[in-house]
C-alpha atoms as a PDB file:
ATOM      1  CA  MET A   1     -42.344  -8.764   7.558  1.00  0.00           C
ATOM      2  CA  ASN A   2     -42.103  -4.950   7.388  1.00  0.00           C
ATOM      3  CA  THR A   3     -45.557  -3.733   6.476  1.00  0.00           C
ATOM      4  CA  THR A   4     -44.316  -0.116   6.652  1.00  0.00           C
ATOM      5  CA  LEU A   5     -41.664  -0.474   3.958  1.00  0.00           C
ATOM      6  CA  ARG A   6     -43.122  -1.845   0.763  1.00  0.00           C
ATOM      7  CA  ASP A   7     -41.489  -2.871  -2.520  1.00  0.00           C
ATOM      8  CA  LYS A   8     -42.458  -1.386  -5.959  1.00  0.00           C
ATOM      9  CA  TRP A   9     -45.420  -3.718  -6.192  1.00  0.00           C
ATOM     10  CA  GLY A  10     -46.817  -2.745  -2.791  1.00  0.00           C
ATOM     11  CA  LEU A  11     -45.806  -5.904  -1.057  1.00  0.00           C
ATOM     12  CA  PRO A  12     -44.346  -5.847   2.465  1.00  0.00           C
ATOM     13  CA  THR A  13     -40.549  -6.289   2.522  1.00  0.00           C
ATOM     14  CA  VAL A  14     -38.334  -8.283   4.858  1.00  0.00           C
ATOM     15  CA  THR A  15     -35.981  -6.249   7.024  1.00  0.00           C
ATOM     16  CA  PHE A  16     -32.826  -7.811   8.448  1.00  0.00           C
ATOM     17  CA  ASP A  17     -31.019  -6.325  11.436  1.00  0.00           C
ATOM     18  CA  CYS A  18     -27.740  -8.114  11.899  1.00  0.00           C
ATOM     19  CA  GLU A  19     -24.581  -7.304  13.794  1.00  0.00           C
ATOM     20  CA  PHE A  20     -21.808  -9.107  15.680  1.00  0.00           C
ATOM     21  CA  LYS A  21     -22.516  -9.165  19.476  1.00  0.00           C
ATOM     22  CA  GLU A  22     -20.067  -9.883  22.256  1.00  0.00           C
ATOM     23  CA  ASN A  23     -20.368 -13.656  21.796  1.00  0.00           C
ATOM     24  CA  GLU A  24     -19.395 -13.522  18.104  1.00  0.00           C
ATOM     25  CA  LYS A  25     -16.511 -11.188  18.808  1.00  0.00           C
ATOM     26  CA  ALA A  26     -15.228 -13.592  21.566  1.00  0.00           C
ATOM     27  CA  MET A  27     -15.596 -16.602  19.202  1.00  0.00           C
ATOM     28  CA  SER A  28     -13.579 -14.747  16.582  1.00  0.00           C
ATOM     29  CA  LYS A  29     -10.700 -14.156  19.013  1.00  0.00           C
ATOM     30  CA  ASP A  30     -10.887 -17.813  20.091  1.00  0.00           C
ATOM     31  CA  MET A  31     -10.783 -19.081  16.424  1.00  0.00           C
ATOM     32  CA  GLN A  32      -7.810 -16.798  15.707  1.00  0.00           C
ATOM     33  CA  ALA A  33      -5.925 -18.151  18.708  1.00  0.00           C
ATOM     34  CA  ASP A  34      -6.735 -21.749  17.776  1.00  0.00           C
ATOM     35  CA  ALA A  35      -5.558 -21.211  14.225  1.00  0.00           C
ATOM     36  CA  ILE A  36      -2.225 -19.769  15.404  1.00  0.00           C
ATOM     37  CA  GLU A  37      -1.834 -22.718  17.754  1.00  0.00           C
ATOM     38  CA  ILE A  38      -2.457 -25.168  14.923  1.00  0.00           C
ATOM     39  CA  LEU A  39       0.041 -23.508  12.650  1.00  0.00           C
ATOM     40  CA  GLU A  40       2.688 -23.333  15.394  1.00  0.00           C
ATOM     41  CA  THR A  41       2.196 -27.007  16.183  1.00  0.00           C
ATOM     42  CA  ALA A  42       2.565 -27.799  12.475  1.00  0.00           C
ATOM     43  CA  GLY A  43       5.987 -26.082  12.556  1.00  0.00           C
ATOM     44  CA  PHE A  44       5.221 -22.683  11.116  1.00  0.00           C
ATOM     45  CA  THR A  45       6.996 -19.637  12.569  1.00  0.00           C
ATOM     46  CA  ASP A  46       6.547 -15.901  12.499  1.00  0.00           C
ATOM     47  CA  ILE A  47       2.731 -16.203  12.726  1.00  0.00           C
ATOM     48  CA  SER A  48       0.541 -13.247  13.471  1.00  0.00           C
ATOM     49  CA  GLY A  49      -3.174 -13.061  13.675  1.00  0.00           C
ATOM     50  CA  TRP A  50      -5.308 -10.610  11.792  1.00  0.00           C
ATOM     51  CA  ASP A  51      -8.637  -9.093  12.731  1.00  0.00           C
ATOM     52  CA  ASP A  52     -10.727  -6.514  10.885  1.00  0.00           C
ATOM     53  CA  PRO A  53     -12.869  -4.630  13.401  1.00  0.00           C
ATOM     54  CA  LYS A  54     -14.984  -3.327  10.477  1.00  0.00           C
ATOM     55  CA  ASN A  55     -15.831  -6.871   9.315  1.00  0.00           C
ATOM     56  CA  ASP A  56     -19.542  -7.031   8.700  1.00  0.00           C
ATOM     57  CA  PRO A  57     -21.482 -10.328   9.206  1.00  0.00           C
ATOM     58  CA  GLY A  58     -21.553 -12.464   6.098  1.00  0.00           C
ATOM     59  CA  LEU A  59     -18.333 -11.198   4.511  1.00  0.00           C
ATOM     60  CA  CYS A  60     -16.195 -14.091   5.750  1.00  0.00           C
ATOM     61  CA  ILE A  61     -18.550 -17.024   5.683  1.00  0.00           C
ATOM     62  CA  HIS A  62     -16.682 -19.273   3.238  1.00  0.00           C
END
């Protein structure tokens, strides 16, 4: 609870601080490599990975 920042009714707000750390960045690279391997094993060709360094947490959940 953030007792310093209050909403229009004077109630404390909830402040979220979220960012990708080194572990999440490493997991993303690993998932990309695994996906490429799966597609190549399935017979696909000319596969390239894609990564958006500006990708914020929560934008690619589903």
